[in-house]
PDB file of N, CA and C in Angstrom:
ATOM      1  N   ASP A   1      88.766  80.987  90.231  1.00  0.00           N
ATOM      2  CA  ASP A   1      89.991  81.062  91.249  1.00  0.00           C
ATOM      3  C   ASP A   1      91.082  81.688  90.613  1.00  0.00           C
ATOM      4  N   GLY A   2      91.463  81.255  89.314  1.00  0.00           N
ATOM      5  CA  GLY A   2      92.659  81.906  88.607  1.00  0.00           C
ATOM      6  C   GLY A   2      92.501  83.293  88.324  1.00  0.00           C
ATOM      7  N   GLN A   3      91.171  83.672  87.985  1.00  0.00           N
ATOM      8  CA  GLN A   3      90.965  85.094  87.521  1.00  0.00           C
ATOM      9  C   GLN A   3      91.137  86.007  88.695  1.00  0.00           C
ATOM     10  N   GLU A   4      90.893  85.661  89.837  1.00  0.00           N
ATOM     11  CA  GLU A   4      91.037  86.537  91.008  1.00  0.00           C
ATOM     12  C   GLU A   4      92.580  86.779  91.077  1.00  0.00           C
ATOM     13  N   ARG A   5      93.315  85.846  90.862  1.00  0.00           N
ATOM     14  CA  ARG A   5      94.803  85.949  91.115  1.00  0.00           C
ATOM     15  C   ARG A   5      95.384  86.841  90.105  1.00  0.00           C
ATOM     16  N   THR A   6      94.948  86.778  88.803  1.00  0.00           N
ATOM     17  CA  THR A   6      95.459  87.711  87.729  1.00  0.00           C
ATOM     18  C   THR A   6      95.051  89.161  88.213  1.00  0.00           C
ATOM     19  N   PHE A   7      93.751  89.281  88.667  1.00  0.00           N
ATOM     20  CA  PHE A   7      93.294  90.748  89.016  1.00  0.00           C
ATOM     21  C   PHE A   7      94.127  91.266  90.092  1.00  0.00           C
ATOM     22  N   ASP A   8      94.563  90.495  91.057  1.00  0.00           N
ATOM     23  CA  ASP A   8      95.433  90.825  92.152  1.00  0.00           C
ATOM     24  C   ASP A   8      96.775  91.367  91.564  1.00  0.00           C
ATOM     25  N   SER A   9      97.295  90.620  90.690  1.00  0.00           N
ATOM     26  CA  SER A   9      98.678  91.080  90.119  1.00  0.00           C
ATOM     27  C   SER A   9      98.519  92.260  89.307  1.00  0.00           C
ATOM     28  N   LEU A  10      97.293  92.479  88.662  1.00  0.00           N
ATOM     29  CA  LEU A  10      96.991  93.628  87.853  1.00  0.00           C
ATOM     30  C   LEU A  10      97.002  94.897  88.710  1.00  0.00           C
ATOM     31  N   SER A  11      96.224  94.783  89.826  1.00  0.00           N
ATOM     32  CA  SER A  11      96.075  95.890  90.714  1.00  0.00           C
ATOM     33  C   SER A  11      97.422  96.209  91.315  1.00  0.00           C
ATOM     34  N   LEU A  12      98.231  95.187  91.595  1.00  0.00           N
ATOM     35  CA  LEU A  12      99.592  95.387  92.115  1.00  0.00           C
ATOM     36  C   LEU A  12     100.432  96.262  91.244  1.00  0.00           C
ATOM     37  N   ILE A  13     100.364  95.831  89.935  1.00  0.00           N
ATOM     38  CA  ILE A  13     101.108  96.507  88.847  1.00  0.00           C
ATOM     39  C   ILE A  13     100.526  97.958  88.775  1.00  0.00           C
ATOM     40  N   ASP A  14      99.273  98.078  88.836  1.00  0.00           N
ATOM     41  CA  ASP A  14      98.660  99.463  88.782  1.00  0.00           C
ATOM     42  C   ASP A  14      99.138 100.258  89.984  1.00  0.00           C
ATOM     43  N   ALA A  15      99.442  99.687  91.149  1.00  0.00           N
ATOM     44  CA  ALA A  15      99.912 100.501  92.308  1.00  0.00           C
ATOM     45  C   ALA A  15     101.365 100.845  92.099  1.00  0.00           C
ATOM     46  N   VAL A  16     102.149  99.939  91.473  1.00  0.00           N
ATOM     47  CA  VAL A  16     103.640 100.190  91.423  1.00  0.00           C
ATOM     48  C   VAL A  16     103.929 101.135  90.129  1.00  0.00           C
ATOM     49  N   VAL A  17     103.253 100.853  89.053  1.00  0.00           N
ATOM     50  CA  VAL A  17     103.549 101.604  87.819  1.00  0.00           C
ATOM     51  C   VAL A  17     103.727 103.060  87.969  1.00  0.00           C
ATOM     52  N   PRO A  18     102.753 103.860  88.579  1.00  0.00           N
ATOM     53  CA  PRO A  18     102.933 105.276  88.693  1.00  0.00           C
ATOM     54  C   PRO A  18     104.181 105.643  89.397  1.00  0.00           C
ATOM     55  N   GLU A  19     104.662 104.928  90.365  1.00  0.00           N
ATOM     56  CA  GLU A  19     105.960 105.217  91.017  1.00  0.00           C
ATOM     57  C   GLU A  19     107.062 105.094  90.108  1.00  0.00           C
ATOM     58  N   ILE A  20     106.975 104.020  89.274  1.00  0.00           N
ATOM     59  CA  ILE A  20     108.126 103.793  88.334  1.00  0.00           C
ATOM     60  C   ILE A  20     108.141 104.989  87.256  1.00  0.00           C
ATOM     61  N   ILE A  21     107.016 105.393  86.853  1.00  0.00           N
ATOM     62  CA  ILE A  21     106.928 106.508  85.897  1.00  0.00           C
ATOM     63  C   ILE A  21     107.430 107.726  86.484  1.00  0.00           C
ATOM     64  N   GLU A  22     107.009 108.009  87.740  1.00  0.00           N
ATOM     65  CA  GLU A  22     107.579 109.147  88.394  1.00  0.00           C
ATOM     66  C   GLU A  22     109.095 109.231  88.587  1.00  0.00           C
ATOM     67  N   ASN A  23     109.591 108.075  89.032  1.00  0.00           N
ATOM     68  CA  ASN A  23     111.067 108.019  89.154  1.00  0.00           C
ATOM     69  C   ASN A  23     111.771 108.177  87.800  1.00  0.00           C
ATOM     70  N   ARG A  24     111.208 107.551  86.708  1.00  0.00           N
ATOM     71  CA  ARG A  24     111.678 107.693  85.354  1.00  0.00           C
ATOM     72  C   ARG A  24     111.702 109.151  84.952  1.00  0.00           C
ATOM     73  N   ARG A  25     110.595 109.915  85.296  1.00  0.00           N
ATOM     74  CA  ARG A  25     110.500 111.286  84.799  1.00  0.00           C
ATOM     75  C   ARG A  25     111.528 112.026  85.489  1.00  0.00           C
ATOM     76  N   LYS A  26     111.738 111.848  86.814  1.00  0.00           N
ATOM     77  CA  LYS A  26     112.786 112.679  87.569  1.00  0.00           C
ATOM     78  C   LYS A  26     114.137 112.370  87.024  1.00  0.00           C
ATOM     79  N   GLU A  27     114.374 111.122  86.771  1.00  0.00           N
ATOM     80  CA  GLU A  27     115.810 110.735  86.154  1.00  0.00           C
ATOM     81  C   GLU A  27     115.949 111.522  84.824  1.00  0.00           C
ATOM     82  N   LEU A  28     114.922 111.564  83.929  1.00  0.00           N
ATOM     83  CA  LEU A  28     115.013 112.228  82.598  1.00  0.00           C
ATOM     84  C   LEU A  28     115.292 113.760  82.868  1.00  0.00           C
ATOM     85  N   GLN A  29     114.486 114.302  83.945  1.00  0.00           N
ATOM     86  CA  GLN A  29     114.700 115.799  84.169  1.00  0.00           C
ATOM     87  C   GLN A  29     116.141 116.037  84.617  1.00  0.00           C
ATOM     88  N   GLN A  30     116.576 115.215  85.430  1.00  0.00           N
ATOM     89  CA  GLN A  30     118.072 115.416  86.023  1.00  0.00           C
ATOM     90  C   GLN A  30     118.922 115.342  84.893  1.00  0.00           C
ATOM     91  N   GLN A  31     118.821 114.391  83.959  1.00  0.00           N
ATOM     92  CA  GLN A  31     119.803 114.239  82.806  1.00  0.00           C
ATOM     93  C   GLN A  31     119.650 115.459  81.988  1.00  0.00           C
ATOM     94  N   GLN A  32     118.529 115.990  81.636  1.00  0.00           N
ATOM     95  CA  GLN A  32     118.340 117.195  80.832  1.00  0.00           C
ATOM     96  C   GLN A  32     119.016 118.393  81.519  1.00  0.00           C
ATOM     97  N   GLN A  33     118.885 118.434  82.789  1.00  0.00           N
ATOM     98  CA  GLN A  33     119.430 119.583  83.544  1.00  0.00           C
ATOM     99  C   GLN A  33     121.009 119.414  83.382  1.00  0.00           C
ATOM    100  N   GLN A  34     121.586 118.308  83.671  1.00  0.00           N
ATOM    101  CA  GLN A  34     122.996 118.112  83.478  1.00  0.00           C
ATOM    102  C   GLN A  34     123.518 118.428  82.117  1.00  0.00           C
ATOM    103  N   GLN A  35     122.794 118.064  81.129  1.00  0.00           N
ATOM    104  CA  GLN A  35     123.157 118.357  79.706  1.00  0.00           C
ATOM    105  C   GLN A  35     123.239 119.770  79.501  1.00  0.00           C
ATOM    106  N   GLN A  36     122.221 120.538  80.009  1.00  0.00           N
ATOM    107  CA  GLN A  36     122.229 121.943  79.811  1.00  0.00           C
ATOM    108  C   GLN A  36     123.294 122.688  80.478  1.00  0.00           C
ATOM    109  N   GLN A  37     123.652 122.185  81.658  1.00  0.00           N
ATOM    110  CA  GLN A  37     124.788 122.770  82.362  1.00  0.00           C
ATOM    111  C   GLN A  37     126.083 122.573  81.753  1.00  0.00           C
ATOM    112  N   GLN A  38     126.360 121.513  81.069  1.00  0.00           N
ATOM    113  CA  GLN A  38     127.517 121.092  80.320  1.00  0.00           C
ATOM    114  C   GLN A  38     127.733 122.097  79.148  1.00  0.00           C
ATOM    115  N   GLN A  39     126.563 122.574  78.509  1.00  0.00           N
ATOM    116  CA  GLN A  39     126.750 123.319  77.260  1.00  0.00           C
ATOM    117  C   GLN A  39     127.219 124.837  77.679  1.00  0.00           C
TER     118      GLN A  39
END
């Protein structure tokens, strides 16, 4: 019973994590672009 629940939360994390990574990547790219423009 408990094992199924942890599996559900794991699959939920798997579903969400790629979006977080993608957002993080875009933020980093924007920061780099802003820094380049300032120089």
